[in-house]
Amino acid sequence: MSGYQSLQVLKETPLAEVVLSGPGKGNAMGPDFWKEIPLAFSELDQDESIRAILISGQGEHFSYGLDLKAMFAELGPLMMGQNLAKERTLLMETILRLQKAFTIIQQCRKPVIATVSGWCIGGAVDLLCACDIRWCSKDARFSVREVRVAMVADLGTLQRLPRIIGQGAARELALTGEDFDADTALRLGLVSRVLDTP
């Protein structure tokens, strides 16, 4: 399980660790990520030697979320110009493909544990919501930030987050895009444990 550009898969049977590693700043999720994360989880799901999967971020941060700059070549033409039926259909198909990348995590038959340190923003919250268990370090910071860039958190957050923290809190976070810390994440129930160190 090597040759990935956006993540590393480390195995110490019976545990596997999927490490988000960029190449975008803050482990942002670019084109390679969306191709590779479904492949990695499909392989781990089929690997009988693996009993649990840990997801973490390389360096100081879990992930800055969707790499808008890297994804612009694919998404830009579908959201600009006349944006007629063809572009809208292609945009919907693209969003469904991106959603499926996180649905594969949710459907994985092995327990998936996310460990967050530093920032967990936008699409990274989508990923977090697809995991079975969510832990963070004291320095963790979260934001459902899509609203700040006139986007919708449509890769799973709006569907999964209300089931985790309730409708009211989920709507407030999605509509305000406010940043919140580890203690708030614990109080809301987004994470079940706050650890002293990353």
C-alpha atoms as a PDB file:
ATOM      1  CA  MET A   1       0.000   0.000   0.000  1.00  0.00           C
ATOM      2  CA  SER A   2       2.534   2.542  -1.121  1.00  0.00           C
ATOM      3  CA  GLY A   3       2.730   5.087  -3.885  1.00  0.00           C
ATOM      4  CA  TYR A   4       0.140   7.480  -2.496  1.00  0.00           C
ATOM      5  CA  GLN A   5       0.783  11.197  -2.955  1.00  0.00           C
ATOM      6  CA  SER A   6      -1.657  12.651  -0.403  1.00  0.00           C
ATOM      7  CA  LEU A   7      -1.471  10.157   2.447  1.00  0.00           C
ATOM      8  CA  GLN A   8       0.598   7.441   4.030  1.00  0.00           C
ATOM      9  CA  VAL A   9      -0.719   4.059   5.123  1.00  0.00           C
ATOM     10  CA  LEU A  10       1.261   2.537   7.971  1.00  0.00           C
ATOM     11  CA  LYS A  11       0.525  -0.949   9.270  1.00  0.00           C
ATOM     12  CA  GLU A  12       1.429  -2.369  12.641  1.00  0.00           C
ATOM     13  CA  THR A  13      -0.901  -5.334  12.748  1.00  0.00           C
ATOM     14  CA  PRO A  14      -3.656  -5.336  13.844  1.00  0.00           C
ATOM     15  CA  LEU A  15      -3.705  -1.518  13.559  1.00  0.00           C
ATOM     16  CA  ALA A  16      -3.381   0.571  10.403  1.00  0.00           C
ATOM     17  CA  GLU A  17      -2.771   4.311  10.432  1.00  0.00           C
ATOM     18  CA  VAL A  18      -3.808   6.552   7.568  1.00  0.00           C
ATOM     19  CA  VAL A  19      -1.797   9.771   7.776  1.00  0.00           C
ATOM     20  CA  LEU A  20      -3.024  12.778   5.796  1.00  0.00           C
ATOM     21  CA  SER A  21       0.067  14.344   4.265  1.00  0.00           C
ATOM     22  CA  GLY A  22      -0.887  16.957   1.712  1.00  0.00           C
ATOM     23  CA  PRO A  23       0.774  17.895  -0.572  1.00  0.00           C
ATOM     24  CA  GLY A  24      -1.276  21.051   0.000  1.00  0.00           C
ATOM     25  CA  LYS A  25      -0.601  23.310   2.975  1.00  0.00           C
ATOM     26  CA  GLY A  26      -2.025  21.922   6.211  1.00  0.00           C
ATOM     27  CA  ASN A  27      -2.707  18.531   4.590  1.00  0.00           C
ATOM     28  CA  ALA A  28      -5.346  20.143   2.381  1.00  0.00           C
ATOM     29  CA  MET A  29      -7.425  17.774   0.283  1.00  0.00           C
ATOM     30  CA  GLY A  30      -6.527  18.102  -3.385  1.00  0.00           C
ATOM     31  CA  PRO A  31      -7.184  15.911  -6.436  1.00  0.00           C
ATOM     32  CA  ASP A  32      -4.865  13.102  -5.289  1.00  0.00           C
ATOM     33  CA  PHE A  33      -6.644  12.847  -1.922  1.00  0.00           C
ATOM     34  CA  TRP A  34     -10.053  12.274  -3.504  1.00  0.00           C
ATOM     35  CA  LYS A  35      -8.671   9.466  -5.662  1.00  0.00           C
ATOM     36  CA  GLU A  36      -6.545   7.845  -2.968  1.00  0.00           C
ATOM     37  CA  ILE A  37      -8.659   7.858   0.202  1.00  0.00           C
ATOM     38  CA  PRO A  38     -11.316   5.502  -1.276  1.00  0.00           C
ATOM     39  CA  LEU A  39      -8.595   3.170  -2.551  1.00  0.00           C
ATOM     40  CA  ALA A  40      -6.825   3.068   0.804  1.00  0.00           C
ATOM     41  CA  PHE A  41      -9.999   2.371   2.772  1.00  0.00           C
ATOM     42  CA  SER A  42     -11.248  -0.226   0.319  1.00  0.00           C
ATOM     43  CA  GLU A  43      -7.948  -2.097   0.657  1.00  0.00           C
ATOM     44  CA  LEU A  44      -7.903  -1.810   4.457  1.00  0.00           C
ATOM     45  CA  ASP A  45     -11.497  -2.983   4.653  1.00  0.00           C
ATOM     46  CA  GLN A  46     -10.516  -6.156   2.783  1.00  0.00           C
ATOM     47  CA  ASP A  47      -7.298  -6.743   4.766  1.00  0.00           C
ATOM     48  CA  GLU A  48      -8.091  -9.494   7.289  1.00  0.00           C
ATOM     49  CA  SER A  49      -4.990  -8.687   9.370  1.00  0.00           C
ATOM     50  CA  ILE A  50      -6.304  -5.187  10.195  1.00  0.00           C
ATOM     51  CA  ARG A  51      -8.747  -4.797  13.076  1.00  0.00           C
ATOM     52  CA  ALA A  52      -8.865  -0.986  13.457  1.00  0.00           C
ATOM     53  CA  ILE A  53      -7.841   2.106  11.494  1.00  0.00           C
ATOM     54  CA  LEU A  54      -6.493   5.355  12.882  1.00  0.00           C
ATOM     55  CA  ILE A  55      -6.630   8.605  10.874  1.00  0.00           C
ATOM     56  CA  SER A  56      -4.278  11.469  11.728  1.00  0.00           C
ATOM     57  CA  GLY A  57      -2.636  14.430  10.063  1.00  0.00           C
ATOM     58  CA  GLN A  58       1.067  14.842   9.381  1.00  0.00           C
ATOM     59  CA  GLY A  59       2.684  17.775  11.153  1.00  0.00           C
ATOM     60  CA  GLU A  60       0.895  20.387  13.236  1.00  0.00           C
ATOM     61  CA  HIS A  61      -2.584  20.102  11.718  1.00  0.00           C
ATOM     62  CA  PHE A  62      -5.148  17.424  10.928  1.00  0.00           C
ATOM     63  CA  SER A  63      -6.294  19.100   7.701  1.00  0.00           C
ATOM     64  CA  TYR A  64      -7.281  22.492   6.312  1.00  0.00           C
ATOM     65  CA  GLY A  65      -9.998  20.716   4.301  1.00  0.00           C
ATOM     66  CA  LEU A  66     -10.682  21.078   0.595  1.00  0.00           C
ATOM     67  CA  ASP A  67      -7.713  22.492  -1.302  1.00  0.00           C
ATOM     68  CA  LEU A  68      -9.625  25.141  -3.258  1.00  0.00           C
ATOM     69  CA  LYS A  69      -6.610  26.222  -5.286  1.00  0.00           C
ATOM     70  CA  ALA A  70      -5.690  22.691  -6.351  1.00  0.00           C
ATOM     71  CA  MET A  71      -9.305  21.759  -7.067  1.00  0.00           C
ATOM     72  CA  PHE A  72     -10.095  24.902  -9.072  1.00  0.00           C
ATOM     73  CA  ALA A  73      -9.103  23.348 -12.401  1.00  0.00           C
ATOM     74  CA  GLU A  74     -11.820  20.728 -11.901  1.00  0.00           C
ATOM     75  CA  LEU A  75     -14.467  22.704 -10.008  1.00  0.00           C
ATOM     76  CA  GLY A  76     -14.010  26.214 -11.408  1.00  0.00           C
ATOM     77  CA  PRO A  77     -15.460  25.619 -14.896  1.00  0.00           C
ATOM     78  CA  LEU A  78     -18.502  23.935 -13.333  1.00  0.00           C
ATOM     79  CA  MET A  79     -19.306  26.919 -11.119  1.00  0.00           C
ATOM     80  CA  MET A  80     -18.456  29.847 -13.404  1.00  0.00           C
ATOM     81  CA  GLY A  81     -19.640  31.194 -16.734  1.00  0.00           C
ATOM     82  CA  GLN A  82     -23.182  30.477 -17.875  1.00  0.00           C
ATOM     83  CA  ASN A  83     -23.422  27.385 -15.650  1.00  0.00           C
ATOM     84  CA  LEU A  84     -26.117  25.684 -17.702  1.00  0.00           C
ATOM     85  CA  ALA A  85     -27.537  22.171 -17.377  1.00  0.00           C
ATOM     86  CA  LYS A  86     -24.364  20.415 -18.573  1.00  0.00           C
ATOM     87  CA  GLU A  87     -22.169  22.195 -16.028  1.00  0.00           C
ATOM     88  CA  ARG A  88     -24.699  21.711 -13.227  1.00  0.00           C
ATOM     89  CA  THR A  89     -24.982  17.998 -13.994  1.00  0.00           C
ATOM     90  CA  LEU A  90     -21.198  17.596 -14.021  1.00  0.00           C
ATOM     91  CA  LEU A  91     -20.931  19.540 -10.752  1.00  0.00           C
ATOM     92  CA  MET A  92     -23.509  17.275  -9.120  1.00  0.00           C
ATOM     93  CA  GLU A  93     -21.657  14.179 -10.348  1.00  0.00           C
ATOM     94  CA  THR A  94     -18.381  15.580  -9.000  1.00  0.00           C
ATOM     95  CA  ILE A  95     -19.895  16.330  -5.586  1.00  0.00           C
ATOM     96  CA  LEU A  96     -21.387  12.824  -5.430  1.00  0.00           C
ATOM     97  CA  ARG A  97     -17.951  11.364  -6.198  1.00  0.00           C
ATOM     98  CA  LEU A  98     -16.353  13.422  -3.422  1.00  0.00           C
ATOM     99  CA  GLN A  99     -19.119  12.442  -1.000  1.00  0.00           C
ATOM    100  CA  LYS A 100     -18.538   8.786  -1.825  1.00  0.00           C
ATOM    101  CA  ALA A 101     -14.903   9.111  -0.678  1.00  0.00           C
ATOM    102  CA  PHE A 102     -16.146   9.747   2.873  1.00  0.00           C
ATOM    103  CA  THR A 103     -19.041   7.296   2.667  1.00  0.00           C
ATOM    104  CA  ILE A 104     -16.455   4.549   2.084  1.00  0.00           C
ATOM    105  CA  ILE A 105     -14.895   5.518   5.437  1.00  0.00           C
ATOM    106  CA  GLN A 106     -18.278   5.407   7.165  1.00  0.00           C
ATOM    107  CA  GLN A 107     -19.078   2.006   5.649  1.00  0.00           C
ATOM    108  CA  CYS A 108     -15.707   0.465   6.502  1.00  0.00           C
ATOM    109  CA  ARG A 109     -16.231  -2.681   8.564  1.00  0.00           C
ATOM    110  CA  LYS A 110     -13.243  -1.874  10.793  1.00  0.00           C
ATOM    111  CA  PRO A 111     -13.555   0.743  13.572  1.00  0.00           C
ATOM    112  CA  VAL A 112     -12.169   4.054  12.290  1.00  0.00           C
ATOM    113  CA  ILE A 113     -10.691   6.393  14.898  1.00  0.00           C
ATOM    114  CA  ALA A 114      -9.829  10.003  14.035  1.00  0.00           C
ATOM    115  CA  THR A 115      -7.199  11.772  16.127  1.00  0.00           C
ATOM    116  CA  VAL A 116      -7.164  15.526  15.571  1.00  0.00           C
ATOM    117  CA  SER A 117      -4.463  17.998  16.488  1.00  0.00           C
ATOM    118  CA  GLY A 118      -4.223  21.550  15.233  1.00  0.00           C
ATOM    119  CA  TRP A 119      -6.783  22.710  12.690  1.00  0.00           C
ATOM    120  CA  CYS A 120      -9.654  20.584  11.364  1.00  0.00           C
ATOM    121  CA  ILE A 121     -11.476  22.761   8.830  1.00  0.00           C
ATOM    122  CA  GLY A 122     -14.290  22.354   6.326  1.00  0.00           C
ATOM    123  CA  GLY A 123     -13.843  19.114   4.404  1.00  0.00           C
ATOM    124  CA  ALA A 124     -11.794  17.738   7.304  1.00  0.00           C
ATOM    125  CA  VAL A 125     -14.909  18.013   9.489  1.00  0.00           C
ATOM    126  CA  ASP A 126     -16.767  16.063   6.783  1.00  0.00           C
ATOM    127  CA  LEU A 127     -14.122  13.343   7.116  1.00  0.00           C
ATOM    128  CA  LEU A 128     -14.293  13.475  10.913  1.00  0.00           C
ATOM    129  CA  CYS A 129     -18.049  12.946  10.886  1.00  0.00           C
ATOM    130  CA  ALA A 130     -17.620   9.746   8.848  1.00  0.00           C
ATOM    131  CA  CYS A 131     -15.424   8.159  11.557  1.00  0.00           C
ATOM    132  CA  ASP A 132     -16.660   5.932  14.373  1.00  0.00           C
ATOM    133  CA  ILE A 133     -14.601   7.489  17.167  1.00  0.00           C
ATOM    134  CA  ARG A 134     -13.220  11.025  17.321  1.00  0.00           C
ATOM    135  CA  TRP A 135     -10.471  12.145  19.722  1.00  0.00           C
ATOM    136  CA  CYS A 136      -8.481  15.366  19.750  1.00  0.00           C
ATOM    137  CA  SER A 137      -5.598  17.035  21.523  1.00  0.00           C
ATOM    138  CA  LYS A 138      -5.995  20.176  23.630  1.00  0.00           C
ATOM    139  CA  ASP A 139      -4.630  22.325  20.804  1.00  0.00           C
ATOM    140  CA  ALA A 140      -7.275  21.171  18.304  1.00  0.00           C
ATOM    141  CA  ARG A 141      -9.412  23.793  16.573  1.00  0.00           C
ATOM    142  CA  PHE A 142     -12.439  23.122  14.384  1.00  0.00           C
ATOM    143  CA  SER A 143     -14.524  25.045  11.870  1.00  0.00           C
ATOM    144  CA  VAL A 144     -17.363  24.209   9.498  1.00  0.00           C
ATOM    145  CA  ARG A 145     -15.993  27.042   7.408  1.00  0.00           C
ATOM    146  CA  GLU A 146     -17.656  26.585   4.020  1.00  0.00           C
ATOM    147  CA  VAL A 147     -20.107  29.434   4.617  1.00  0.00           C
ATOM    148  CA  ARG A 148     -17.169  31.869   4.794  1.00  0.00           C
ATOM    149  CA  VAL A 149     -16.344  31.126   1.156  1.00  0.00           C
ATOM    150  CA  ALA A 150     -19.983  31.003  -0.003  1.00  0.00           C
ATOM    151  CA  MET A 151     -20.042  27.213  -0.204  1.00  0.00           C
ATOM    152  CA  VAL A 152     -22.240  24.528   1.340  1.00  0.00           C
ATOM    153  CA  ALA A 153     -20.770  21.835   3.604  1.00  0.00           C
ATOM    154  CA  ASP A 154     -22.090  19.228   1.193  1.00  0.00           C
ATOM    155  CA  LEU A 155     -19.538  16.439   1.547  1.00  0.00           C
ATOM    156  CA  GLY A 156     -21.242  14.868   4.551  1.00  0.00           C
ATOM    157  CA  THR A 157     -21.190  17.394   7.392  1.00  0.00           C
ATOM    158  CA  LEU A 158     -24.781  18.557   6.908  1.00  0.00           C
ATOM    159  CA  GLN A 159     -25.942  14.942   6.796  1.00  0.00           C
ATOM    160  CA  ARG A 160     -23.825  13.442   9.600  1.00  0.00           C
ATOM    161  CA  LEU A 161     -23.045  16.264  12.039  1.00  0.00           C
ATOM    162  CA  PRO A 162     -26.654  16.727  13.295  1.00  0.00           C
ATOM    163  CA  ARG A 163     -26.741  13.039  14.259  1.00  0.00           C
ATOM    164  CA  ILE A 164     -23.580  13.545  16.301  1.00  0.00           C
ATOM    165  CA  ILE A 165     -24.156  16.900  18.026  1.00  0.00           C
ATOM    166  CA  GLY A 166     -27.840  17.621  17.381  1.00  0.00           C
ATOM    167  CA  GLN A 167     -29.691  19.827  14.895  1.00  0.00           C
ATOM    168  CA  GLY A 168     -29.404  23.136  16.744  1.00  0.00           C
ATOM    169  CA  ALA A 169     -25.653  23.059  17.317  1.00  0.00           C
ATOM    170  CA  ALA A 170     -24.971  21.710  13.814  1.00  0.00           C
ATOM    171  CA  ARG A 171     -27.001  24.474  12.199  1.00  0.00           C
ATOM    172  CA  GLU A 172     -25.274  27.155  14.242  1.00  0.00           C
ATOM    173  CA  LEU A 173     -21.808  25.903  13.281  1.00  0.00           C
ATOM    174  CA  ALA A 174     -22.737  25.546   9.594  1.00  0.00           C
ATOM    175  CA  LEU A 175     -24.445  28.938   9.361  1.00  0.00           C
ATOM    176  CA  THR A 176     -21.854  30.959  11.292  1.00  0.00           C
ATOM    177  CA  GLY A 177     -18.639  29.205  10.257  1.00  0.00           C
ATOM    178  CA  GLU A 178     -17.263  30.034  13.704  1.00  0.00           C
ATOM    179  CA  ASP A 179     -14.079  28.469  15.021  1.00  0.00           C
ATOM    180  CA  PHE A 180     -14.296  26.370  18.163  1.00  0.00           C
ATOM    181  CA  ASP A 181     -11.800  24.680  20.450  1.00  0.00           C
ATOM    182  CA  ALA A 182     -11.296  21.197  21.863  1.00  0.00           C
ATOM    183  CA  ASP A 183     -13.331  21.849  25.005  1.00  0.00           C
ATOM    184  CA  THR A 184     -16.295  23.018  22.926  1.00  0.00           C
ATOM    185  CA  ALA A 185     -15.960  19.988  20.651  1.00  0.00           C
ATOM    186  CA  LEU A 186     -16.062  17.748  23.731  1.00  0.00           C
ATOM    187  CA  ARG A 187     -19.052  19.571  25.219  1.00  0.00           C
ATOM    188  CA  LEU A 188     -20.960  19.291  21.930  1.00  0.00           C
ATOM    189  CA  GLY A 189     -20.098  15.611  21.576  1.00  0.00           C
ATOM    190  CA  LEU A 190     -18.132  15.998  18.352  1.00  0.00           C
ATOM    191  CA  VAL A 191     -15.201  14.322  20.122  1.00  0.00           C
ATOM    192  CA  SER A 192     -15.411  11.843  22.980  1.00  0.00           C
ATOM    193  CA  ARG A 193     -11.971  12.466  24.450  1.00  0.00           C
ATOM    194  CA  VAL A 194      -9.489  15.360  24.712  1.00  0.00           C
ATOM    195  CA  LEU A 195      -5.885  14.227  25.106  1.00  0.00           C
ATOM    196  CA  ASP A 196      -3.033  16.221  26.592  1.00  0.00           C
ATOM    197  CA  THR A 197      -0.730  15.757  23.609  1.00  0.00           C
ATOM    198  CA  PRO A 198      -1.242  15.314  19.857  1.00  0.00           C
END
